[in-house]
Amino acid sequence: MLVDKDLSRPSHRGFWLNAFILGAALLIFPLSASAGLFGNKFENEVKTEQVAINLHNETMQGGYQLINTAKVKALLDNGKDVLIIDAMPFKDSYKKEHIPTAQQFLFPVSSMPEWNNAETNGQSEQDFTQMLGTDKDKMLVFYCGFVKCGRSHNAATWAVKLGYNNVYRYPGGIYAWKGAGFKTASVK
């Protein structure tokens, strides 16, 4: 049996074992760290895919088009004749902040295949038509909070049902607007 009698000096074997352990740790740590940070990337992709498919299906069913944040901002910056409607509750949302120039008309989150005044804060189909105006070709943009919110889908679907031809849903809504760093308006 061989024994290294000088304990103050690391043995040759101990040095290489420590070097191997350190090297393995340096290789494994980044992999385990990225697994910890991004471990749900595959599950998140399934969720993103489902949101995208739902948005596509709603758009096809509703008969409207989609518009993104940059295009809504460009419409406003260029003074285009567009009516922007916030489909969220007045007191809890619109009053606090909304896209500048937007008007408010409440729609429910869940599907509303038949008009229901109780779901639109007592407002009627005629009230909605009056807000939209008589020009059936005017550009209409509907938004709510975020992509999963169904309020803008209901509003855009109803505009199409009422015969409007230039109907857009802005799915990112107020979250995307704020995420892009654009200013909001409020009601005092």
Protein backbone atom coordinates (compact mmCIF):
# COMPACT_ATOMS: atom_id res chain seq x y z
CA MET A 1 0.00 0.00 0.00
CA LEU A 2 1.36 3.40 -1.01
CA VAL A 3 0.85 6.32 1.32
CA ASP A 4 1.81 9.91 0.59
CA LYS A 5 3.51 10.92 3.80
CA ASP A 6 3.67 14.68 3.03
CA LEU A 7 0.03 15.79 3.62
CA SER A 8 0.82 19.46 2.99
CA ARG A 9 1.56 18.70 -0.65
CA PRO A 10 -1.41 17.47 -2.77
CA SER A 11 -0.81 14.12 -4.37
CA HIS A 12 -0.59 13.93 -8.14
CA ARG A 13 -3.77 11.89 -8.24
CA GLY A 14 -5.71 14.39 -6.09
CA PHE A 15 -4.79 17.30 -8.35
CA TRP A 16 -6.10 15.60 -11.48
CA LEU A 17 -9.24 14.40 -9.71
CA ASN A 18 -9.93 17.96 -8.49
CA ALA A 19 -9.24 19.34 -11.98
CA PHE A 20 -11.66 16.81 -13.47
CA ILE A 21 -14.39 17.66 -10.94
CA LEU A 22 -13.90 21.40 -11.52
CA GLY A 23 -14.00 20.94 -15.32
CA ALA A 24 -17.13 18.79 -15.12
CA ALA A 25 -18.80 21.35 -12.86
CA LEU A 26 -17.96 24.13 -15.31
CA LEU A 27 -19.55 22.12 -18.11
CA ILE A 28 -22.59 20.93 -16.17
CA PHE A 29 -23.46 24.16 -14.37
CA PRO A 30 -24.35 26.17 -17.48
CA LEU A 31 -26.48 23.31 -18.73
CA SER A 32 -28.28 22.94 -15.41
CA ALA A 33 -28.66 26.71 -15.06
CA SER A 34 -30.20 27.02 -18.50
CA ALA A 35 -32.44 24.07 -17.75
CA GLY A 36 -33.56 25.87 -14.60
CA LEU A 37 -34.09 29.16 -16.37
CA PHE A 38 -35.64 27.75 -19.52
CA GLY A 39 -36.92 24.42 -18.28
CA ASN A 40 -40.50 25.29 -19.21
CA LYS A 41 -39.74 26.55 -22.72
CA PHE A 42 -41.36 23.52 -24.29
CA GLU A 43 -44.45 23.74 -22.08
CA ASN A 44 -44.61 27.49 -22.72
CA GLU A 45 -44.50 26.84 -26.45
CA VAL A 46 -47.57 24.58 -26.15
CA LYS A 47 -49.38 27.41 -24.36
CA THR A 48 -48.29 29.96 -26.97
CA GLU A 49 -49.40 27.63 -29.73
CA GLN A 50 -52.83 27.24 -28.16
CA VAL A 51 -53.26 31.00 -27.81
CA ALA A 52 -52.25 31.48 -31.46
CA ILE A 53 -54.67 28.82 -32.66
CA ASN A 54 -57.50 30.23 -30.56
CA LEU A 55 -56.81 33.72 -31.93
CA HIS A 56 -56.80 32.37 -35.49
CA ASN A 57 -60.05 30.47 -34.94
CA GLU A 58 -61.76 33.48 -33.36
CA THR A 59 -60.61 35.69 -36.23
CA MET A 60 -61.95 33.26 -38.83
CA GLN A 61 -65.23 32.84 -36.95
CA GLY A 62 -65.63 36.59 -36.37
CA GLY A 63 -64.87 37.62 -39.95
CA TYR A 64 -62.63 40.53 -38.96
CA GLN A 65 -58.93 41.26 -39.51
CA LEU A 66 -56.07 41.64 -37.04
CA ILE A 67 -53.86 44.66 -36.50
CA ASN A 68 -50.72 45.02 -34.42
CA THR A 69 -49.45 47.69 -32.03
CA ALA A 70 -47.17 49.46 -34.53
CA LYS A 71 -49.97 49.80 -37.07
CA VAL A 72 -52.46 51.16 -34.52
CA LYS A 73 -49.85 53.71 -33.42
CA ALA A 74 -49.16 54.67 -37.05
CA LEU A 75 -52.89 55.19 -37.68
CA LEU A 76 -53.05 57.62 -34.77
CA ASP A 77 -49.78 59.36 -35.62
CA ASN A 78 -50.90 59.87 -39.22
CA GLY A 79 -54.33 61.19 -38.26
CA LYS A 80 -56.20 58.44 -40.13
CA ASP A 81 -59.97 58.37 -39.91
CA VAL A 82 -60.31 55.41 -37.57
CA LEU A 83 -62.63 54.68 -34.67
CA ILE A 84 -60.86 52.86 -31.84
CA ILE A 85 -63.06 51.18 -29.26
CA ASP A 86 -62.01 49.86 -25.87
CA ALA A 87 -64.26 46.91 -24.97
CA MET A 88 -63.29 46.81 -21.29
CA PRO A 89 -65.23 48.06 -18.25
CA PHE A 90 -65.38 51.83 -17.89
CA LYS A 91 -64.67 52.24 -14.17
CA ASP A 92 -62.12 49.45 -13.67
CA SER A 93 -60.17 49.97 -16.87
CA TYR A 94 -61.06 52.62 -19.45
CA LYS A 95 -61.36 55.43 -16.90
CA LYS A 96 -57.89 54.64 -15.52
CA GLU A 97 -56.14 54.27 -18.87
CA HIS A 98 -56.92 53.69 -22.51
CA ILE A 99 -55.45 54.29 -25.94
CA PRO A 100 -55.74 57.99 -26.80
CA THR A 101 -58.89 58.82 -28.83
CA ALA A 102 -60.48 55.46 -27.97
CA GLN A 103 -64.13 55.34 -27.03
CA GLN A 104 -65.51 52.76 -24.62
CA PHE A 105 -68.22 50.15 -25.09
CA LEU A 106 -68.28 47.16 -22.75
CA PHE A 107 -68.44 43.61 -24.12
CA PRO A 108 -68.20 40.37 -22.14
CA VAL A 109 -65.14 38.11 -22.06
CA SER A 110 -67.17 34.99 -22.86
CA SER A 111 -68.92 34.46 -26.16
CA MET A 112 -72.02 36.58 -26.84
CA PRO A 113 -73.74 35.04 -29.90
CA GLU A 114 -77.00 36.89 -29.14
CA TRP A 115 -77.10 40.50 -28.02
CA ASN A 116 -77.46 40.71 -24.24
CA ASN A 117 -77.87 44.16 -22.66
CA ALA A 118 -76.90 42.72 -19.28
CA GLU A 119 -73.48 41.82 -20.71
CA THR A 120 -72.97 45.28 -22.26
CA ASN A 121 -73.67 47.35 -19.16
CA GLY A 122 -77.27 47.96 -20.21
CA GLN A 123 -76.35 49.25 -23.64
CA SER A 124 -78.28 48.03 -26.65
CA GLU A 125 -77.37 46.91 -30.12
CA GLN A 126 -78.73 50.28 -31.30
CA ASP A 127 -76.39 52.10 -28.90
CA PHE A 128 -73.47 50.17 -30.38
CA THR A 129 -74.56 50.93 -33.95
CA GLN A 130 -74.92 54.62 -33.07
CA MET A 131 -71.37 54.66 -31.70
CA LEU A 132 -70.00 53.00 -34.84
CA GLY A 133 -71.80 55.42 -37.14
CA THR A 134 -73.45 55.09 -40.52
CA ASP A 135 -70.29 54.68 -42.65
CA LYS A 136 -70.05 50.91 -43.03
CA ASP A 137 -66.57 51.24 -44.61
CA LYS A 138 -65.01 53.31 -41.82
CA MET A 139 -62.03 51.61 -40.18
CA LEU A 140 -62.97 50.20 -36.77
CA VAL A 141 -60.37 48.88 -34.32
CA PHE A 142 -61.45 46.99 -31.18
CA TYR A 143 -59.20 46.12 -28.27
CA CYS A 144 -59.30 44.92 -24.71
CA GLY A 145 -56.56 43.94 -22.25
CA PHE A 146 -54.44 41.29 -23.89
CA VAL A 147 -54.46 38.50 -26.48
CA LYS A 148 -56.48 35.99 -24.44
CA CYS A 149 -59.20 38.53 -23.60
CA GLY A 150 -62.41 37.81 -25.53
CA ARG A 151 -63.99 41.26 -25.20
CA SER A 152 -62.42 42.61 -28.40
CA HIS A 153 -63.43 39.44 -30.24
CA ASN A 154 -67.07 39.94 -29.26
CA ALA A 155 -67.00 43.63 -30.19
CA ALA A 156 -65.39 43.02 -33.60
CA THR A 157 -67.72 40.08 -34.31
CA TRP A 158 -70.76 42.24 -33.56
CA ALA A 159 -69.50 45.02 -35.83
CA VAL A 160 -69.19 42.48 -38.67
CA LYS A 161 -72.67 41.10 -37.88
CA LEU A 162 -74.03 44.64 -38.17
CA GLY A 163 -72.59 45.00 -41.67
CA TYR A 164 -69.36 46.92 -41.08
CA ASN A 165 -66.69 46.03 -43.64
CA ASN A 166 -63.41 47.42 -42.30
CA VAL A 167 -63.24 45.77 -38.88
CA TYR A 168 -60.01 45.03 -37.02
CA ARG A 169 -59.20 43.44 -33.71
CA TYR A 170 -56.10 44.63 -31.91
CA PRO A 171 -55.36 41.49 -29.85
CA GLY A 172 -52.40 42.84 -27.84
CA GLY A 173 -54.64 45.53 -26.43
CA ILE A 174 -53.66 47.89 -23.67
CA TYR A 175 -50.92 45.53 -22.39
CA ALA A 176 -49.12 45.55 -25.76
CA TRP A 177 -49.70 49.30 -26.10
CA LYS A 178 -48.07 49.95 -22.74
CA GLY A 179 -45.42 47.30 -23.42
CA ALA A 180 -44.39 49.29 -26.49
CA GLY A 181 -43.97 52.34 -24.27
CA PHE A 182 -46.84 54.33 -25.78
CA LYS A 183 -48.76 56.88 -23.72
CA THR A 184 -52.25 56.23 -22.47
CA ALA A 185 -55.10 58.59 -21.70
CA SER A 186 -57.45 58.61 -18.71
CA VAL A 187 -60.76 60.11 -17.68
CA LYS A 188 -60.58 62.57 -14.80
